[in-house]
């Protein structure tokens, strides 16, 4: 139980650090710490397969993707300009949308009589079929009851990468001027030579 509370505090602290860090690279480091703590949480639940998948897929693939996007799109460009704070304007619509969504889910859950029956999860070794954290149990939960959140997560990751490309791709490397404002390659500006006065 002590390990659970320690890992929970690390998870919350690393998540807050990820979204509040000043530089994107620091956010990636905080996200890496979050993934490692989550894998350790899986190990405390005797779900070794989920812990390995958490490290291999998220820390080894998704996180490296974020690092490459940040490194390739931020090299040689000027720092991003901070625009006006738009959070206060979207706070009220976001709260209204969240309340309506929660009300809709509650009404749907109260009027739905369909029950999802899953195979009972029995105890045992991590590799046994039906045990918590086993490959069979994980595959059944991922592609039946949790298929929609799995697909939504992939969509959110794609939107995040596209957002970084749109934000950083408007600035040309080197001089910091947008590409649409550059002079054409065929035109030449007059060269003014300095004359020496003797």
C-alpha atoms as a PDB file:
ATOM      1  CA  UNK A   1       0.000   0.000   0.000  1.00  0.00           C
ATOM      2  CA  UNK A   2       2.921   2.349   0.692  1.00  0.00           C
ATOM      3  CA  UNK A   3       4.297   1.682  -2.813  1.00  0.00           C
ATOM      4  CA  UNK A   4       0.886   2.545  -4.292  1.00  0.00           C
ATOM      5  CA  UNK A   5       0.747   5.947  -2.571  1.00  0.00           C
ATOM      6  CA  UNK A   6       4.355   6.761  -3.501  1.00  0.00           C
ATOM      7  CA  UNK A   7       3.763   5.837  -7.144  1.00  0.00           C
ATOM      8  CA  UNK A   8       0.455   7.750  -7.152  1.00  0.00           C
ATOM      9  CA  UNK A   9       2.200  10.898  -5.921  1.00  0.00           C
ATOM     10  CA  UNK A  10       4.947  10.458  -8.539  1.00  0.00           C
ATOM     11  CA  UNK A  11       2.319   9.994 -11.256  1.00  0.00           C
ATOM     12  CA  UNK A  12       0.414  13.134 -10.273  1.00  0.00           C
ATOM     13  CA  UNK A  13       3.561  15.244  -9.833  1.00  0.00           C
ATOM     14  CA  UNK A  14       5.066  14.145 -13.151  1.00  0.00           C
ATOM     15  CA  UNK A  15       1.773  14.765 -14.980  1.00  0.00           C
ATOM     16  CA  UNK A  16       1.545  18.301 -13.539  1.00  0.00           C
ATOM     17  CA  UNK A  17       5.191  18.935 -14.436  1.00  0.00           C
ATOM     18  CA  UNK A  18       4.559  17.705 -17.993  1.00  0.00           C
ATOM     19  CA  UNK A  19       1.829  20.248 -18.683  1.00  0.00           C
ATOM     20  CA  UNK A  20       3.459  23.145 -16.804  1.00  0.00           C
ATOM     21  CA  UNK A  21       7.088  22.837 -17.955  1.00  0.00           C
ATOM     22  CA  UNK A  22       8.553  25.848 -19.725  1.00  0.00           C
ATOM     23  CA  UNK A  23      10.439  23.941 -22.434  1.00  0.00           C
ATOM     24  CA  UNK A  24       9.013  21.037 -24.485  1.00  0.00           C
ATOM     25  CA  UNK A  25      12.064  18.883 -23.744  1.00  0.00           C
ATOM     26  CA  UNK A  26      11.376  19.176 -20.026  1.00  0.00           C
ATOM     27  CA  UNK A  27       7.800  18.088 -20.697  1.00  0.00           C
ATOM     28  CA  UNK A  28       9.115  14.989 -22.460  1.00  0.00           C
ATOM     29  CA  UNK A  29      11.297  14.165 -19.439  1.00  0.00           C
ATOM     30  CA  UNK A  30       8.286  14.552 -17.135  1.00  0.00           C
ATOM     31  CA  UNK A  31       6.241  12.315 -19.418  1.00  0.00           C
ATOM     32  CA  UNK A  32       8.994   9.693 -19.345  1.00  0.00           C
ATOM     33  CA  UNK A  33       8.934   9.725 -15.545  1.00  0.00           C
ATOM     34  CA  UNK A  34       5.143   9.352 -15.675  1.00  0.00           C
ATOM     35  CA  UNK A  35       5.407   6.320 -17.970  1.00  0.00           C
ATOM     36  CA  UNK A  36       8.022   4.658 -15.764  1.00  0.00           C
ATOM     37  CA  UNK A  37       5.920   5.221 -12.630  1.00  0.00           C
ATOM     38  CA  UNK A  38       2.872   3.784 -14.410  1.00  0.00           C
ATOM     39  CA  UNK A  39       4.865   0.710 -15.438  1.00  0.00           C
ATOM     40  CA  UNK A  40       5.945   0.280 -11.815  1.00  0.00           C
ATOM     41  CA  UNK A  41       2.295   0.559 -10.802  1.00  0.00           C
ATOM     42  CA  UNK A  42       1.476  -2.289 -13.180  1.00  0.00           C
ATOM     43  CA  UNK A  43       4.253  -4.353 -11.602  1.00  0.00           C
ATOM     44  CA  UNK A  44       2.732  -3.877  -8.148  1.00  0.00           C
ATOM     45  CA  UNK A  45      -0.523  -5.283  -9.563  1.00  0.00           C
ATOM     46  CA  UNK A  46       1.354  -8.339 -10.927  1.00  0.00           C
ATOM     47  CA  UNK A  47       0.665  -7.285 -14.516  1.00  0.00           C
ATOM     48  CA  UNK A  48       4.135  -7.811 -15.944  1.00  0.00           C
ATOM     49  CA  UNK A  49       2.972  -7.864 -19.556  1.00  0.00           C
ATOM     50  CA  UNK A  50       1.280  -4.472 -19.243  1.00  0.00           C
ATOM     51  CA  UNK A  51       4.399  -3.041 -17.580  1.00  0.00           C
ATOM     52  CA  UNK A  52       6.626  -4.234 -20.419  1.00  0.00           C
ATOM     53  CA  UNK A  53       4.195  -2.923 -23.051  1.00  0.00           C
ATOM     54  CA  UNK A  54       4.061   0.427 -21.233  1.00  0.00           C
ATOM     55  CA  UNK A  55       7.849   0.747 -21.414  1.00  0.00           C
ATOM     56  CA  UNK A  56       8.316  -0.617 -24.937  1.00  0.00           C
ATOM     57  CA  UNK A  57       5.398   1.080 -26.704  1.00  0.00           C
ATOM     58  CA  UNK A  58       5.024   4.390 -24.892  1.00  0.00           C
ATOM     59  CA  UNK A  59       8.529   5.097 -23.581  1.00  0.00           C
ATOM     60  CA  UNK A  60      10.257   3.494 -26.540  1.00  0.00           C
ATOM     61  CA  UNK A  61       8.038   4.585 -29.437  1.00  0.00           C
ATOM     62  CA  UNK A  62       5.539   7.335 -28.614  1.00  0.00           C
ATOM     63  CA  UNK A  63       7.963   9.340 -26.482  1.00  0.00           C
ATOM     64  CA  UNK A  64      10.731   9.077 -29.078  1.00  0.00           C
ATOM     65  CA  UNK A  65       8.233  10.307 -31.680  1.00  0.00           C
ATOM     66  CA  UNK A  66       7.568  13.388 -29.553  1.00  0.00           C
ATOM     67  CA  UNK A  67      11.315  13.962 -29.113  1.00  0.00           C
ATOM     68  CA  UNK A  68      11.900  13.803 -32.875  1.00  0.00           C
ATOM     69  CA  UNK A  69       9.001  16.167 -33.592  1.00  0.00           C
ATOM     70  CA  UNK A  70      10.301  18.679 -31.051  1.00  0.00           C
ATOM     71  CA  UNK A  71      13.919  18.365 -32.194  1.00  0.00           C
ATOM     72  CA  UNK A  72      13.290  18.559 -35.935  1.00  0.00           C
ATOM     73  CA  UNK A  73      10.715  21.343 -35.918  1.00  0.00           C
ATOM     74  CA  UNK A  74      12.424  23.552 -33.333  1.00  0.00           C
ATOM     75  CA  UNK A  75      15.956  23.522 -34.728  1.00  0.00           C
ATOM     76  CA  UNK A  76      17.094  26.819 -36.186  1.00  0.00           C
ATOM     77  CA  UNK A  77      13.842  28.677 -35.608  1.00  0.00           C
ATOM     78  CA  UNK A  78      13.116  31.655 -33.468  1.00  0.00           C
ATOM     79  CA  UNK A  79      11.365  31.112 -30.121  1.00  0.00           C
ATOM     80  CA  UNK A  80       7.604  30.842 -30.244  1.00  0.00           C
ATOM     81  CA  UNK A  81       5.800  34.067 -29.500  1.00  0.00           C
ATOM     82  CA  UNK A  82       3.293  33.838 -26.682  1.00  0.00           C
ATOM     83  CA  UNK A  83      -0.065  35.042 -27.909  1.00  0.00           C
ATOM     84  CA  UNK A  84      -3.034  36.310 -25.939  1.00  0.00           C
ATOM     85  CA  UNK A  85      -4.446  34.082 -23.218  1.00  0.00           C
ATOM     86  CA  UNK A  86      -7.569  32.456 -24.649  1.00  0.00           C
ATOM     87  CA  UNK A  87      -8.196  30.098 -21.726  1.00  0.00           C
ATOM     88  CA  UNK A  88     -10.735  32.366 -19.916  1.00  0.00           C
ATOM     89  CA  UNK A  89     -12.877  32.588 -23.052  1.00  0.00           C
ATOM     90  CA  UNK A  90     -13.119  28.829 -23.506  1.00  0.00           C
ATOM     91  CA  UNK A  91     -13.534  27.931 -19.830  1.00  0.00           C
ATOM     92  CA  UNK A  92     -17.321  28.470 -19.673  1.00  0.00           C
ATOM     93  CA  UNK A  93     -18.099  26.622 -22.960  1.00  0.00           C
ATOM     94  CA  UNK A  94     -15.816  23.766 -21.877  1.00  0.00           C
ATOM     95  CA  UNK A  95     -17.583  23.431 -18.509  1.00  0.00           C
ATOM     96  CA  UNK A  96     -21.013  23.533 -20.193  1.00  0.00           C
ATOM     97  CA  UNK A  97     -19.934  20.873 -22.715  1.00  0.00           C
ATOM     98  CA  UNK A  98     -18.516  18.673 -19.947  1.00  0.00           C
ATOM     99  CA  UNK A  99     -21.727  18.948 -17.887  1.00  0.00           C
ATOM    100  CA  UNK A 100     -23.900  18.135 -20.912  1.00  0.00           C
ATOM    101  CA  UNK A 101     -21.696  15.168 -21.807  1.00  0.00           C
ATOM    102  CA  UNK A 102     -21.804  13.854 -18.247  1.00  0.00           C
ATOM    103  CA  UNK A 103     -25.587  14.286 -18.125  1.00  0.00           C
ATOM    104  CA  UNK A 104     -25.966  12.454 -21.434  1.00  0.00           C
ATOM    105  CA  UNK A 105     -23.782   9.574 -20.279  1.00  0.00           C
ATOM    106  CA  UNK A 106     -25.701   9.348 -17.005  1.00  0.00           C
ATOM    107  CA  UNK A 107     -29.100   9.279 -18.735  1.00  0.00           C
ATOM    108  CA  UNK A 108     -27.853   6.696 -21.227  1.00  0.00           C
ATOM    109  CA  UNK A 109     -26.428   4.499 -18.482  1.00  0.00           C
ATOM    110  CA  UNK A 110     -29.674   4.654 -16.467  1.00  0.00           C
ATOM    111  CA  UNK A 111     -31.852   3.717 -19.445  1.00  0.00           C
ATOM    112  CA  UNK A 112     -29.576   1.017 -20.830  1.00  0.00           C
ATOM    113  CA  UNK A 113     -30.242  -2.508 -19.640  1.00  0.00           C
ATOM    114  CA  UNK A 114     -27.467  -4.177 -21.609  1.00  0.00           C
ATOM    115  CA  UNK A 115     -24.739  -5.713 -19.488  1.00  0.00           C
ATOM    116  CA  UNK A 116     -21.316  -6.636 -20.742  1.00  0.00           C
ATOM    117  CA  UNK A 117     -20.286 -10.055 -19.486  1.00  0.00           C
ATOM    118  CA  UNK A 118     -16.566 -10.670 -19.318  1.00  0.00           C
ATOM    119  CA  UNK A 119     -14.687 -13.813 -18.565  1.00  0.00           C
ATOM    120  CA  UNK A 120     -13.797 -13.942 -14.887  1.00  0.00           C
ATOM    121  CA  UNK A 121     -10.256 -12.886 -14.114  1.00  0.00           C
ATOM    122  CA  UNK A 122      -8.691 -15.536 -11.952  1.00  0.00           C
ATOM    123  CA  UNK A 123      -5.489 -15.390 -10.013  1.00  0.00           C
ATOM    124  CA  UNK A 124      -2.400 -17.210 -11.083  1.00  0.00           C
ATOM    125  CA  UNK A 125       0.882 -16.681 -12.819  1.00  0.00           C
ATOM    126  CA  UNK A 126       1.219 -13.719 -15.143  1.00  0.00           C
ATOM    127  CA  UNK A 127       1.406 -15.879 -18.262  1.00  0.00           C
ATOM    128  CA  UNK A 128      -1.651 -18.029 -17.504  1.00  0.00           C
ATOM    129  CA  UNK A 129      -4.794 -17.440 -19.561  1.00  0.00           C
ATOM    130  CA  UNK A 130      -7.478 -15.570 -17.617  1.00  0.00           C
ATOM    131  CA  UNK A 131      -5.040 -14.153 -15.042  1.00  0.00           C
ATOM    132  CA  UNK A 132      -4.975 -10.411 -14.499  1.00  0.00           C
ATOM    133  CA  UNK A 133      -2.376  -8.838 -16.741  1.00  0.00           C
ATOM    134  CA  UNK A 134      -2.019 -11.849 -19.013  1.00  0.00           C
ATOM    135  CA  UNK A 135      -1.864 -11.453 -22.773  1.00  0.00           C
ATOM    136  CA  UNK A 136      -5.255 -13.111 -23.290  1.00  0.00           C
ATOM    137  CA  UNK A 137      -6.927 -10.952 -20.642  1.00  0.00           C
ATOM    138  CA  UNK A 138      -5.304  -7.798 -22.006  1.00  0.00           C
ATOM    139  CA  UNK A 139      -6.299  -8.569 -25.606  1.00  0.00           C
ATOM    140  CA  UNK A 140      -9.881  -9.338 -24.628  1.00  0.00           C
ATOM    141  CA  UNK A 141     -10.237  -6.081 -22.692  1.00  0.00           C
ATOM    142  CA  UNK A 142      -8.479  -4.001 -25.370  1.00  0.00           C
ATOM    143  CA  UNK A 143     -10.440  -5.191 -28.392  1.00  0.00           C
ATOM    144  CA  UNK A 144     -13.881  -5.553 -26.775  1.00  0.00           C
ATOM    145  CA  UNK A 145     -14.797  -3.201 -23.942  1.00  0.00           C
ATOM    146  CA  UNK A 146     -11.952  -0.683 -24.392  1.00  0.00           C
ATOM    147  CA  UNK A 147     -11.760  -0.546 -28.185  1.00  0.00           C
ATOM    148  CA  UNK A 148     -13.195   2.980 -28.468  1.00  0.00           C
ATOM    149  CA  UNK A 149     -10.803   4.584 -25.914  1.00  0.00           C
ATOM    150  CA  UNK A 150      -7.913   2.803 -27.650  1.00  0.00           C
ATOM    151  CA  UNK A 151      -8.862   4.290 -31.018  1.00  0.00           C
ATOM    152  CA  UNK A 152      -9.513   7.741 -29.491  1.00  0.00           C
ATOM    153  CA  UNK A 153      -6.026   7.695 -27.943  1.00  0.00           C
ATOM    154  CA  UNK A 154      -4.470   7.060 -31.359  1.00  0.00           C
ATOM    155  CA  UNK A 155      -6.493   9.951 -32.805  1.00  0.00           C
ATOM    156  CA  UNK A 156      -5.412  12.309 -29.993  1.00  0.00           C
ATOM    157  CA  UNK A 157      -1.729  11.452 -30.538  1.00  0.00           C
ATOM    158  CA  UNK A 158      -2.105  12.139 -34.267  1.00  0.00           C
ATOM    159  CA  UNK A 159      -3.792  15.491 -33.574  1.00  0.00           C
ATOM    160  CA  UNK A 160      -0.968  16.436 -31.190  1.00  0.00           C
ATOM    161  CA  UNK A 161       1.703  15.740 -33.814  1.00  0.00           C
ATOM    162  CA  UNK A 162      -0.233  17.656 -36.497  1.00  0.00           C
ATOM    163  CA  UNK A 163      -0.644  20.573 -34.082  1.00  0.00           C
ATOM    164  CA  UNK A 164       3.111  20.765 -33.483  1.00  0.00           C
ATOM    165  CA  UNK A 165       3.738  20.708 -37.246  1.00  0.00           C
ATOM    166  CA  UNK A 166       1.244  23.528 -37.822  1.00  0.00           C
ATOM    167  CA  UNK A 167       2.631  25.658 -34.998  1.00  0.00           C
ATOM    168  CA  UNK A 168       6.316  25.299 -35.840  1.00  0.00           C
ATOM    169  CA  UNK A 169       6.100  24.797 -39.594  1.00  0.00           C
ATOM    170  CA  UNK A 170       5.110  28.397 -40.328  1.00  0.00           C
ATOM    171  CA  UNK A 171       8.589  29.700 -39.528  1.00  0.00           C
ATOM    172  CA  UNK A 172      11.509  29.134 -41.863  1.00  0.00           C
ATOM    173  CA  UNK A 173      14.751  27.897 -40.280  1.00  0.00           C
ATOM    174  CA  UNK A 174      17.541  30.413 -39.925  1.00  0.00           C
ATOM    175  CA  UNK A 175      16.234  33.910 -40.354  1.00  0.00           C
ATOM    176  CA  UNK A 176      12.928  33.637 -38.490  1.00  0.00           C
ATOM    177  CA  UNK A 177      10.803  35.074 -41.305  1.00  0.00           C
ATOM    178  CA  UNK A 178       7.692  33.254 -42.477  1.00  0.00           C
ATOM    179  CA  UNK A 179       8.231  31.520 -45.842  1.00  0.00           C
ATOM    180  CA  UNK A 180       5.367  33.380 -47.517  1.00  0.00           C
ATOM    181  CA  UNK A 181       7.074  36.735 -46.849  1.00  0.00           C
ATOM    182  CA  UNK A 182      10.418  35.830 -48.336  1.00  0.00           C
ATOM    183  CA  UNK A 183      11.402  37.490 -51.559  1.00  0.00           C
ATOM    184  CA  UNK A 184      11.317  35.357 -54.660  1.00  0.00           C
ATOM    185  CA  UNK A 185      14.415  33.471 -55.648  1.00  0.00           C
ATOM    186  CA  UNK A 186      14.657  35.119 -59.081  1.00  0.00           C
ATOM    187  CA  UNK A 187      14.677  38.711 -57.852  1.00  0.00           C
ATOM    188  CA  UNK A 188      17.774  40.484 -56.680  1.00  0.00           C
ATOM    189  CA  UNK A 189      18.049  43.468 -54.447  1.00  0.00           C
ATOM    190  CA  UNK A 190      20.425  46.279 -55.471  1.00  0.00           C
ATOM    191  CA  UNK A 191      23.826  46.045 -53.877  1.00  0.00           C
ATOM    192  CA  UNK A 192      25.089  49.277 -52.358  1.00  0.00           C
ATOM    193  CA  UNK A 193      28.866  49.418 -52.150  1.00  0.00           C
ATOM    194  CA  UNK A 194      30.617  51.518 -49.626  1.00  0.00           C
ATOM    195  CA  UNK A 195      32.854  54.165 -51.116  1.00  0.00           C
ATOM    196  CA  UNK A 196      36.029  55.089 -49.384  1.00  0.00           C
ATOM    197  CA  UNK A 197      36.595  58.786 -48.919  1.00  0.00           C
ATOM    198  CA  UNK A 198      40.200  59.680 -48.990  1.00  0.00           C
END
